[in-house]
């Protein structure tokens, strides 16, 4: 019991420190608004026994990005749904490589979303954030959040509010 408490306390203190640093770092930087589109190819992964038994699906994604970010990304997404209620959710990790407003490097996005089957995409909740300290090269220190927009024809566009040191 004491060990669990010590581990939990350590994790919480690290989380508080990380949050404080990122807020302080963001105050020193100004936010930039970027936009563009992307093309996506999603490939279902072989389901595990757990996934088969629990209405969970895993897919990989390959995207080509256009606009203020020019590059590619590779990710893995896990989706879950409840047929009786129509609720759905996904989580994903996506590694980006390319140029953001002319600056070369890579970084990682963390995705989290919830929605109801049949609702408009805007009715759900979506969070796509840069993983802290994941930027490399000229994108080192990148922070920010991405919004994904899908039009009636299925075209994907995005807006990205970010800061760089």
N, C-alpha and C. Protein backbone atom coordinates (compact mmCIF):
# COMPACT_ATOMS: atom_id res chain seq x y z
N UNK A 1 0.83 -1.19 0.00
CA UNK A 1 0.00 0.00 0.00
C UNK A 1 0.87 1.25 0.00
N UNK A 2 1.92 1.26 0.85
CA UNK A 2 2.80 2.44 0.90
C UNK A 2 3.51 2.64 -0.44
N UNK A 3 3.89 1.53 -1.07
CA UNK A 3 4.56 1.63 -2.36
C UNK A 3 3.64 2.23 -3.41
N UNK A 4 2.37 1.80 -3.45
CA UNK A 4 1.42 2.37 -4.41
C UNK A 4 1.25 3.86 -4.18
N UNK A 5 1.15 4.28 -2.92
CA UNK A 5 1.00 5.70 -2.60
C UNK A 5 2.23 6.48 -3.04
N UNK A 6 3.42 5.93 -2.80
CA UNK A 6 4.66 6.62 -3.18
C UNK A 6 4.74 6.77 -4.69
N UNK A 7 4.39 5.73 -5.42
CA UNK A 7 4.41 5.79 -6.88
C UNK A 7 3.41 6.83 -7.36
N UNK A 8 2.18 6.81 -6.82
CA UNK A 8 1.15 7.76 -7.22
C UNK A 8 1.60 9.20 -6.92
N UNK A 9 2.18 9.42 -5.77
CA UNK A 9 2.65 10.76 -5.41
C UNK A 9 3.75 11.23 -6.35
N UNK A 10 4.66 10.33 -6.72
CA UNK A 10 5.74 10.69 -7.64
C UNK A 10 5.18 11.05 -9.01
N UNK A 11 4.26 10.23 -9.52
CA UNK A 11 3.66 10.51 -10.82
C UNK A 11 2.93 11.84 -10.81
N UNK A 12 2.16 12.12 -9.74
CA UNK A 12 1.42 13.38 -9.66
C UNK A 12 2.37 14.56 -9.60
N UNK A 13 3.47 14.45 -8.86
CA UNK A 13 4.40 15.57 -8.78
C UNK A 13 5.07 15.82 -10.11
N UNK A 14 5.37 14.74 -10.87
CA UNK A 14 5.94 14.92 -12.20
C UNK A 14 4.93 15.58 -13.13
N UNK A 15 3.68 15.17 -13.06
CA UNK A 15 2.64 15.74 -13.91
C UNK A 15 2.46 17.22 -13.63
N UNK A 16 2.47 17.61 -12.36
CA UNK A 16 2.34 19.02 -12.01
C UNK A 16 3.52 19.80 -12.55
N UNK A 17 4.73 19.26 -12.42
CA UNK A 17 5.91 19.95 -12.93
C UNK A 17 5.87 20.12 -14.43
N UNK A 18 5.47 19.08 -15.16
CA UNK A 18 5.39 19.16 -16.61
C UNK A 18 4.36 20.21 -17.01
N UNK A 19 3.19 20.21 -16.38
CA UNK A 19 2.15 21.17 -16.71
C UNK A 19 2.60 22.59 -16.46
N UNK A 20 3.29 22.82 -15.35
CA UNK A 20 3.77 24.15 -15.01
C UNK A 20 4.79 24.62 -16.03
N UNK A 21 5.71 23.74 -16.44
CA UNK A 21 6.72 24.12 -17.41
C UNK A 21 6.08 24.47 -18.75
N UNK A 22 5.12 23.68 -19.20
CA UNK A 22 4.55 23.94 -20.52
C UNK A 22 3.76 25.26 -20.51
N UNK A 23 3.07 25.57 -19.42
CA UNK A 23 2.35 26.84 -19.33
C UNK A 23 3.34 28.00 -19.34
N UNK A 24 4.41 27.89 -18.57
CA UNK A 24 5.41 28.95 -18.53
C UNK A 24 6.07 29.11 -19.90
N UNK A 25 6.36 27.99 -20.55
CA UNK A 25 6.98 28.05 -21.88
C UNK A 25 6.04 28.70 -22.88
N UNK A 26 4.74 28.38 -22.79
CA UNK A 26 3.77 28.96 -23.72
C UNK A 26 3.65 30.47 -23.54
N UNK A 27 3.83 30.97 -22.34
CA UNK A 27 3.74 32.41 -22.09
C UNK A 27 4.86 33.15 -22.81
N UNK A 28 6.04 32.47 -22.96
CA UNK A 28 7.17 33.10 -23.62
C UNK A 28 7.06 33.06 -25.14
N UNK A 29 6.13 32.27 -25.67
CA UNK A 29 5.98 32.11 -27.11
C UNK A 29 4.62 32.65 -27.55
N UNK A 30 4.50 33.02 -28.80
CA UNK A 30 3.20 33.45 -29.31
C UNK A 30 2.60 32.32 -30.15
N UNK A 31 1.28 32.25 -30.16
CA UNK A 31 0.57 31.21 -30.89
C UNK A 31 0.51 31.57 -32.38
N UNK A 32 0.70 30.56 -33.21
CA UNK A 32 0.61 30.69 -34.66
C UNK A 32 -0.55 29.81 -35.12
N UNK A 33 -1.31 30.28 -36.10
CA UNK A 33 -2.45 29.54 -36.64
C UNK A 33 -2.06 28.98 -38.01
N UNK A 34 -2.02 27.67 -38.13
CA UNK A 34 -1.68 27.01 -39.39
C UNK A 34 -2.90 26.24 -39.89
N UNK A 35 -2.93 25.97 -41.19
CA UNK A 35 -4.06 25.22 -41.74
C UNK A 35 -3.64 24.47 -42.99
N UNK A 36 -4.50 23.53 -43.38
CA UNK A 36 -4.22 22.76 -44.58
C UNK A 36 -5.19 21.60 -44.70
N UNK A 37 -4.75 20.58 -45.43
CA UNK A 37 -5.57 19.38 -45.63
C UNK A 37 -4.66 18.16 -45.52
N UNK A 38 -5.27 16.99 -45.48
CA UNK A 38 -4.48 15.77 -45.55
C UNK A 38 -5.26 14.67 -46.24
N UNK A 39 -4.50 13.76 -46.84
CA UNK A 39 -5.05 12.55 -47.43
C UNK A 39 -4.71 11.42 -46.47
N UNK A 40 -5.64 10.47 -46.30
CA UNK A 40 -5.44 9.43 -45.30
C UNK A 40 -5.72 8.05 -45.89
N UNK A 41 -4.89 7.10 -45.50
CA UNK A 41 -5.11 5.69 -45.81
C UNK A 41 -5.14 4.96 -44.47
N UNK A 42 -6.25 4.29 -44.17
CA UNK A 42 -6.38 3.55 -42.92
C UNK A 42 -6.43 2.05 -43.24
N UNK A 43 -5.66 1.27 -42.47
CA UNK A 43 -5.56 -0.16 -42.69
C UNK A 43 -5.92 -0.88 -41.40
N UNK A 44 -6.95 -1.75 -41.43
CA UNK A 44 -7.30 -2.51 -40.22
C UNK A 44 -6.14 -3.43 -39.82
N UNK A 45 -5.90 -3.52 -38.53
CA UNK A 45 -4.88 -4.43 -38.00
C UNK A 45 -5.56 -5.74 -37.62
N UNK A 46 -4.79 -6.80 -37.55
CA UNK A 46 -5.33 -8.10 -37.15
C UNK A 46 -5.83 -7.99 -35.71
N UNK A 47 -7.11 -8.29 -35.47
CA UNK A 47 -7.67 -8.12 -34.12
C UNK A 47 -7.17 -9.18 -33.13
N UNK A 48 -6.96 -8.73 -31.90
CA UNK A 48 -6.61 -9.64 -30.82
C UNK A 48 -7.90 -10.27 -30.28
N UNK A 49 -7.78 -11.28 -29.44
CA UNK A 49 -8.96 -11.88 -28.81
C UNK A 49 -9.72 -10.86 -27.98
N UNK A 50 -8.98 -10.00 -27.27
CA UNK A 50 -9.62 -8.94 -26.48
C UNK A 50 -10.45 -8.03 -27.37
N UNK A 51 -9.86 -7.59 -28.47
CA UNK A 51 -10.56 -6.69 -29.38
C UNK A 51 -11.82 -7.34 -29.94
N UNK A 52 -11.73 -8.61 -30.33
CA UNK A 52 -12.89 -9.33 -30.87
C UNK A 52 -14.01 -9.42 -29.84
N UNK A 53 -13.67 -9.65 -28.59
CA UNK A 53 -14.67 -9.86 -27.54
C UNK A 53 -15.29 -8.56 -27.02
N UNK A 54 -14.66 -7.42 -27.31
CA UNK A 54 -15.09 -6.16 -26.67
C UNK A 54 -15.39 -5.03 -27.64
N UNK A 55 -15.74 -5.32 -28.88
CA UNK A 55 -16.10 -4.29 -29.85
C UNK A 55 -15.02 -3.21 -29.98
N UNK A 56 -13.76 -3.66 -30.01
CA UNK A 56 -12.62 -2.76 -30.14
C UNK A 56 -11.96 -3.05 -31.49
N UNK A 57 -11.58 -1.99 -32.19
CA UNK A 57 -10.92 -2.12 -33.49
C UNK A 57 -9.62 -1.34 -33.45
N UNK A 58 -8.60 -1.88 -34.08
CA UNK A 58 -7.30 -1.21 -34.16
C UNK A 58 -6.95 -1.02 -35.63
N UNK A 59 -6.52 0.18 -36.00
CA UNK A 59 -6.13 0.48 -37.38
C UNK A 59 -4.83 1.28 -37.38
N UNK A 60 -4.09 1.16 -38.48
CA UNK A 60 -2.93 2.01 -38.68
C UNK A 60 -3.33 3.08 -39.69
N UNK A 61 -2.68 4.21 -39.63
CA UNK A 61 -2.98 5.30 -40.56
C UNK A 61 -1.69 5.82 -41.17
N UNK A 62 -1.79 6.17 -42.43
CA UNK A 62 -0.72 6.85 -43.16
C UNK A 62 -1.35 8.08 -43.80
N UNK A 63 -0.79 9.25 -43.49
CA UNK A 63 -1.34 10.50 -44.01
C UNK A 63 -0.27 11.27 -44.76
N UNK A 64 -0.71 11.99 -45.78
CA UNK A 64 0.12 12.97 -46.47
C UNK A 64 -0.51 14.33 -46.18
N UNK A 65 0.29 15.23 -45.60
CA UNK A 65 -0.19 16.53 -45.15
C UNK A 65 0.18 17.62 -46.16
N UNK A 66 -0.75 18.56 -46.36
CA UNK A 66 -0.56 19.67 -47.29
C UNK A 66 -0.92 20.97 -46.57
N UNK A 67 -0.28 22.06 -46.96
CA UNK A 67 -0.59 23.36 -46.38
C UNK A 67 0.59 23.89 -45.59
N UNK A 68 0.30 24.48 -44.43
CA UNK A 68 1.36 25.05 -43.60
C UNK A 68 2.26 23.97 -42.99
N UNK A 69 1.77 22.74 -42.93
CA UNK A 69 2.61 21.58 -42.60
C UNK A 69 2.65 20.71 -43.84
N UNK A 70 3.83 20.47 -44.36
CA UNK A 70 4.03 19.59 -45.52
C UNK A 70 4.83 18.40 -45.04
N UNK A 71 4.23 17.21 -45.14
CA UNK A 71 4.95 16.03 -44.70
C UNK A 71 4.06 14.81 -44.65
N UNK A 72 4.50 13.85 -43.86
CA UNK A 72 3.77 12.59 -43.71
C UNK A 72 3.61 12.28 -42.23
N UNK A 73 2.67 11.38 -41.95
CA UNK A 73 2.53 10.88 -40.58
C UNK A 73 2.12 9.42 -40.62
N UNK A 74 2.46 8.74 -39.55
CA UNK A 74 2.10 7.33 -39.37
C UNK A 74 1.55 7.21 -37.97
N UNK A 75 0.43 6.50 -37.84
CA UNK A 75 -0.19 6.40 -36.52
C UNK A 75 -0.88 5.07 -36.31
N UNK A 76 -1.29 4.89 -35.07
CA UNK A 76 -2.10 3.74 -34.71
C UNK A 76 -3.26 4.23 -33.86
N UNK A 77 -4.46 3.74 -34.22
CA UNK A 77 -5.69 4.18 -33.57
C UNK A 77 -6.42 2.96 -33.02
N UNK A 78 -6.98 3.13 -31.84
CA UNK A 78 -7.84 2.11 -31.24
C UNK A 78 -9.21 2.74 -31.07
N UNK A 79 -10.24 2.07 -31.60
CA UNK A 79 -11.61 2.57 -31.49
C UNK A 79 -12.45 1.58 -30.70
N UNK A 80 -13.42 2.11 -30.00
CA UNK A 80 -14.34 1.27 -29.26
C UNK A 80 -15.75 1.82 -29.41
N UNK A 81 -16.73 0.93 -29.35
CA UNK A 81 -18.12 1.37 -29.47
C UNK A 81 -19.02 0.49 -28.63
N UNK A 82 -20.20 1.00 -28.36
CA UNK A 82 -21.22 0.25 -27.65
C UNK A 82 -22.45 0.24 -28.55
N UNK A 83 -22.74 -0.92 -29.14
CA UNK A 83 -23.83 -1.03 -30.12
C UNK A 83 -25.17 -0.62 -29.51
N UNK A 84 -25.41 -0.96 -28.26
CA UNK A 84 -26.73 -0.68 -27.65
C UNK A 84 -27.00 0.81 -27.47
N UNK A 85 -25.97 1.62 -27.28
CA UNK A 85 -26.16 3.06 -27.07
C UNK A 85 -25.69 3.91 -28.23
N UNK A 86 -24.84 3.36 -29.11
CA UNK A 86 -24.30 4.13 -30.21
C UNK A 86 -23.11 5.00 -29.83
N UNK A 87 -22.60 4.83 -28.61
CA UNK A 87 -21.45 5.63 -28.21
C UNK A 87 -20.18 5.06 -28.85
N UNK A 88 -19.27 5.96 -29.21
CA UNK A 88 -18.01 5.57 -29.83
C UNK A 88 -16.89 6.45 -29.28
N UNK A 89 -15.68 5.90 -29.34
CA UNK A 89 -14.51 6.65 -28.90
C UNK A 89 -13.28 6.15 -29.64
N UNK A 90 -12.25 7.01 -29.69
CA UNK A 90 -10.97 6.54 -30.20
C UNK A 90 -9.83 7.25 -29.46
N UNK A 91 -8.70 6.56 -29.43
CA UNK A 91 -7.44 7.13 -28.98
C UNK A 91 -6.41 6.78 -30.05
N UNK A 92 -5.42 7.64 -30.22
CA UNK A 92 -4.40 7.38 -31.24
C UNK A 92 -3.11 8.10 -30.90
N UNK A 93 -2.04 7.55 -31.43
CA UNK A 93 -0.73 8.19 -31.39
C UNK A 93 -0.28 8.33 -32.84
N UNK A 94 0.22 9.51 -33.19
CA UNK A 94 0.58 9.78 -34.58
C UNK A 94 1.92 10.52 -34.61
N UNK A 95 2.88 9.98 -35.34
CA UNK A 95 4.20 10.60 -35.48
C UNK A 95 4.26 11.37 -36.80
N UNK A 96 4.53 12.66 -36.70
CA UNK A 96 4.56 13.59 -37.83
C UNK A 96 6.01 13.85 -38.24
N UNK A 97 6.28 13.90 -39.53
CA UNK A 97 7.61 14.22 -40.03
C UNK A 97 7.47 15.14 -41.24
N UNK A 98 8.13 16.29 -41.20
CA UNK A 98 8.04 17.21 -42.34
C UNK A 98 8.44 18.61 -41.96
N UNK A 99 7.85 19.58 -42.67
CA UNK A 99 8.15 21.00 -42.44
C UNK A 99 6.89 21.72 -42.00
N UNK A 100 6.99 22.41 -40.87
CA UNK A 100 5.92 23.25 -40.36
C UNK A 100 6.34 24.70 -40.57
N UNK A 101 5.65 25.38 -41.47
CA UNK A 101 5.97 26.76 -41.79
C UNK A 101 7.46 26.93 -42.11
N UNK A 102 8.00 25.95 -42.86
CA UNK A 102 9.39 26.01 -43.29
C UNK A 102 10.41 25.44 -42.32
N UNK A 103 9.98 25.00 -41.14
CA UNK A 103 10.90 24.45 -40.13
C UNK A 103 10.81 22.93 -40.14
N UNK A 104 11.94 22.26 -40.36
CA UNK A 104 12.02 20.81 -40.52
C UNK A 104 12.13 20.10 -39.18
N UNK A 105 11.43 18.97 -39.05
CA UNK A 105 11.55 18.15 -37.85
C UNK A 105 10.42 17.15 -37.76
N UNK A 106 10.27 16.60 -36.57
CA UNK A 106 9.19 15.65 -36.32
C UNK A 106 8.62 15.92 -34.93
N UNK A 107 7.42 15.39 -34.70
CA UNK A 107 6.77 15.50 -33.40
C UNK A 107 5.64 14.49 -33.35
N UNK A 108 5.04 14.34 -32.17
CA UNK A 108 3.99 13.35 -31.98
C UNK A 108 2.70 14.02 -31.52
N UNK A 109 1.58 13.59 -32.13
CA UNK A 109 0.25 13.99 -31.69
C UNK A 109 -0.35 12.87 -30.86
N UNK A 110 -1.10 13.25 -29.84
CA UNK A 110 -1.92 12.33 -29.05
C UNK A 110 -3.38 12.71 -29.31
N UNK A 111 -4.20 11.72 -29.74
CA UNK A 111 -5.61 11.95 -30.06
C UNK A 111 -6.50 11.31 -29.00
N UNK A 112 -7.64 11.96 -28.71
CA UNK A 112 -8.69 11.39 -27.86
C UNK A 112 -10.01 11.97 -28.32
N UNK A 113 -10.99 11.08 -28.58
CA UNK A 113 -12.28 11.57 -29.07
C UNK A 113 -13.42 10.69 -28.57
N UNK A 114 -14.60 11.31 -28.38
CA UNK A 114 -15.83 10.60 -28.07
C UNK A 114 -16.93 11.17 -28.95
N UNK A 115 -17.90 10.33 -29.31
CA UNK A 115 -19.00 10.77 -30.15
C UNK A 115 -20.14 9.77 -30.07
N UNK A 116 -21.27 10.12 -30.65
CA UNK A 116 -22.42 9.22 -30.74
C UNK A 116 -22.67 8.91 -32.21
N UNK A 117 -22.97 7.66 -32.51
CA UNK A 117 -23.24 7.24 -33.88
C UNK A 117 -24.39 8.07 -34.45
N UNK A 118 -24.20 8.58 -35.67
CA UNK A 118 -25.24 9.36 -36.33
C UNK A 118 -25.17 10.85 -36.06
N UNK A 119 -24.44 11.27 -35.01
CA UNK A 119 -24.31 12.70 -34.73
C UNK A 119 -23.35 13.35 -35.72
N UNK A 120 -23.49 14.64 -35.90
CA UNK A 120 -22.54 15.40 -36.70
C UNK A 120 -21.17 15.33 -36.02
N UNK A 121 -20.08 15.33 -36.80
CA UNK A 121 -18.74 15.28 -36.18
C UNK A 121 -18.51 16.36 -35.15
N UNK A 122 -19.12 17.53 -35.33
CA UNK A 122 -18.93 18.63 -34.38
C UNK A 122 -19.63 18.39 -33.05
N UNK A 123 -20.53 17.40 -32.98
CA UNK A 123 -21.27 17.14 -31.74
C UNK A 123 -20.43 16.39 -30.72
N UNK A 124 -19.38 15.70 -31.17
CA UNK A 124 -18.53 14.95 -30.25
C UNK A 124 -17.44 15.82 -29.66
N UNK A 125 -16.58 15.19 -28.89
CA UNK A 125 -15.44 15.88 -28.30
C UNK A 125 -14.17 15.32 -28.91
N UNK A 126 -13.26 16.21 -29.32
CA UNK A 126 -12.00 15.82 -29.93
C UNK A 126 -10.87 16.62 -29.32
N UNK A 127 -9.81 15.92 -28.96
CA UNK A 127 -8.60 16.58 -28.48
C UNK A 127 -7.41 15.95 -29.18
N UNK A 128 -6.66 16.79 -29.91
CA UNK A 128 -5.42 16.34 -30.56
C UNK A 128 -4.34 17.32 -30.12
N UNK A 129 -3.44 16.83 -29.30
CA UNK A 129 -2.41 17.68 -28.69
C UNK A 129 -1.01 17.19 -29.06
N UNK A 130 -0.07 18.13 -29.15
CA UNK A 130 1.33 17.77 -29.31
C UNK A 130 1.81 17.15 -28.00
N UNK A 131 2.43 15.99 -28.07
CA UNK A 131 3.00 15.36 -26.88
C UNK A 131 4.16 16.23 -26.41
N UNK A 132 4.18 16.63 -25.14
CA UNK A 132 5.24 17.51 -24.65
C UNK A 132 6.64 16.94 -24.92
N UNK A 133 7.52 17.81 -25.36
CA UNK A 133 8.93 17.47 -25.61
C UNK A 133 9.13 16.41 -26.68
N UNK A 134 8.15 16.24 -27.59
CA UNK A 134 8.30 15.25 -28.66
C UNK A 134 8.92 15.84 -29.93
N UNK A 135 9.04 17.16 -30.01
CA UNK A 135 9.58 17.79 -31.21
C UNK A 135 11.06 17.56 -31.37
N UNK A 136 11.49 17.39 -32.63
CA UNK A 136 12.91 17.22 -32.94
C UNK A 136 13.32 18.24 -33.99
N UNK A 137 14.63 18.39 -34.17
CA UNK A 137 15.14 19.32 -35.17
C UNK A 137 14.67 20.73 -34.92
N UNK A 138 14.23 21.40 -35.98
CA UNK A 138 13.76 22.79 -35.86
C UNK A 138 12.38 22.89 -35.21
N UNK A 139 11.77 21.73 -34.90
CA UNK A 139 10.47 21.71 -34.22
C UNK A 139 10.62 21.37 -32.74
N UNK A 140 11.83 21.39 -32.24
CA UNK A 140 12.07 21.15 -30.82
C UNK A 140 11.39 22.24 -30.00
N UNK A 141 10.66 21.83 -28.96
CA UNK A 141 9.94 22.78 -28.11
C UNK A 141 8.53 23.09 -28.59
N UNK A 142 8.08 22.45 -29.67
CA UNK A 142 6.74 22.68 -30.21
C UNK A 142 5.66 22.31 -29.20
N UNK A 143 4.65 23.17 -29.08
CA UNK A 143 3.44 22.88 -28.31
C UNK A 143 2.25 23.27 -29.17
N UNK A 144 1.09 22.68 -28.90
CA UNK A 144 -0.09 23.11 -29.63
C UNK A 144 -1.18 22.07 -29.70
N UNK A 145 -2.29 22.47 -30.35
CA UNK A 145 -3.44 21.58 -30.50
C UNK A 145 -3.97 21.69 -31.93
N UNK A 146 -4.48 20.57 -32.42
CA UNK A 146 -4.96 20.43 -33.79
C UNK A 146 -6.46 20.18 -33.78
N UNK A 147 -7.17 20.76 -34.73
CA UNK A 147 -8.58 20.45 -34.96
C UNK A 147 -8.70 19.84 -36.35
N UNK A 148 -9.47 18.76 -36.46
CA UNK A 148 -9.71 18.09 -37.73
C UNK A 148 -11.14 18.40 -38.17
N UNK A 149 -11.29 18.74 -39.44
CA UNK A 149 -12.60 19.06 -40.01
C UNK A 149 -12.84 18.13 -41.19
N UNK A 150 -14.04 17.56 -41.29
CA UNK A 150 -14.39 16.67 -42.39
C UNK A 150 -15.65 17.23 -43.05
N UNK A 151 -15.56 17.54 -44.34
CA UNK A 151 -16.74 18.11 -45.02
C UNK A 151 -17.68 16.99 -45.50
N UNK A 152 -18.79 17.39 -46.09
CA UNK A 152 -19.82 16.44 -46.52
C UNK A 152 -19.31 15.44 -47.56
N UNK A 153 -18.28 15.81 -48.30
CA UNK A 153 -17.70 14.90 -49.30
C UNK A 153 -16.59 14.03 -48.72
N UNK A 154 -16.29 14.19 -47.44
CA UNK A 154 -15.26 13.39 -46.79
C UNK A 154 -13.86 13.96 -46.85
N UNK A 155 -13.70 15.19 -47.37
CA UNK A 155 -12.38 15.82 -47.43
C UNK A 155 -11.95 16.24 -46.01
N UNK A 156 -10.71 15.92 -45.66
CA UNK A 156 -10.16 16.25 -44.34
C UNK A 156 -9.34 17.54 -44.44
N UNK A 157 -9.69 18.51 -43.62
CA UNK A 157 -8.87 19.71 -43.46
C UNK A 157 -8.53 19.85 -41.98
N UNK A 158 -7.57 20.72 -41.68
CA UNK A 158 -7.13 20.88 -40.30
C UNK A 158 -6.73 22.32 -40.03
N UNK A 159 -6.81 22.67 -38.76
CA UNK A 159 -6.24 23.91 -38.25
C UNK A 159 -5.39 23.54 -37.05
N UNK A 160 -4.27 24.21 -36.91
CA UNK A 160 -3.28 23.88 -35.87
C UNK A 160 -2.83 25.18 -35.23
N UNK A 161 -3.13 25.33 -33.93
CA UNK A 161 -2.65 26.47 -33.16
C UNK A 161 -1.44 25.99 -32.39
N UNK A 162 -0.26 26.62 -32.66
CA UNK A 162 0.98 26.11 -32.07
C UNK A 162 1.90 27.25 -31.67
N UNK A 163 2.88 26.87 -30.86
CA UNK A 163 3.95 27.78 -30.46
C UNK A 163 5.29 27.07 -30.60
N UNK A 164 6.28 27.83 -30.96
CA UNK A 164 7.68 27.35 -31.04
C UNK A 164 8.57 28.36 -30.36
N UNK A 165 9.61 27.88 -29.70
CA UNK A 165 10.53 28.84 -29.06
C UNK A 165 11.27 29.69 -30.08
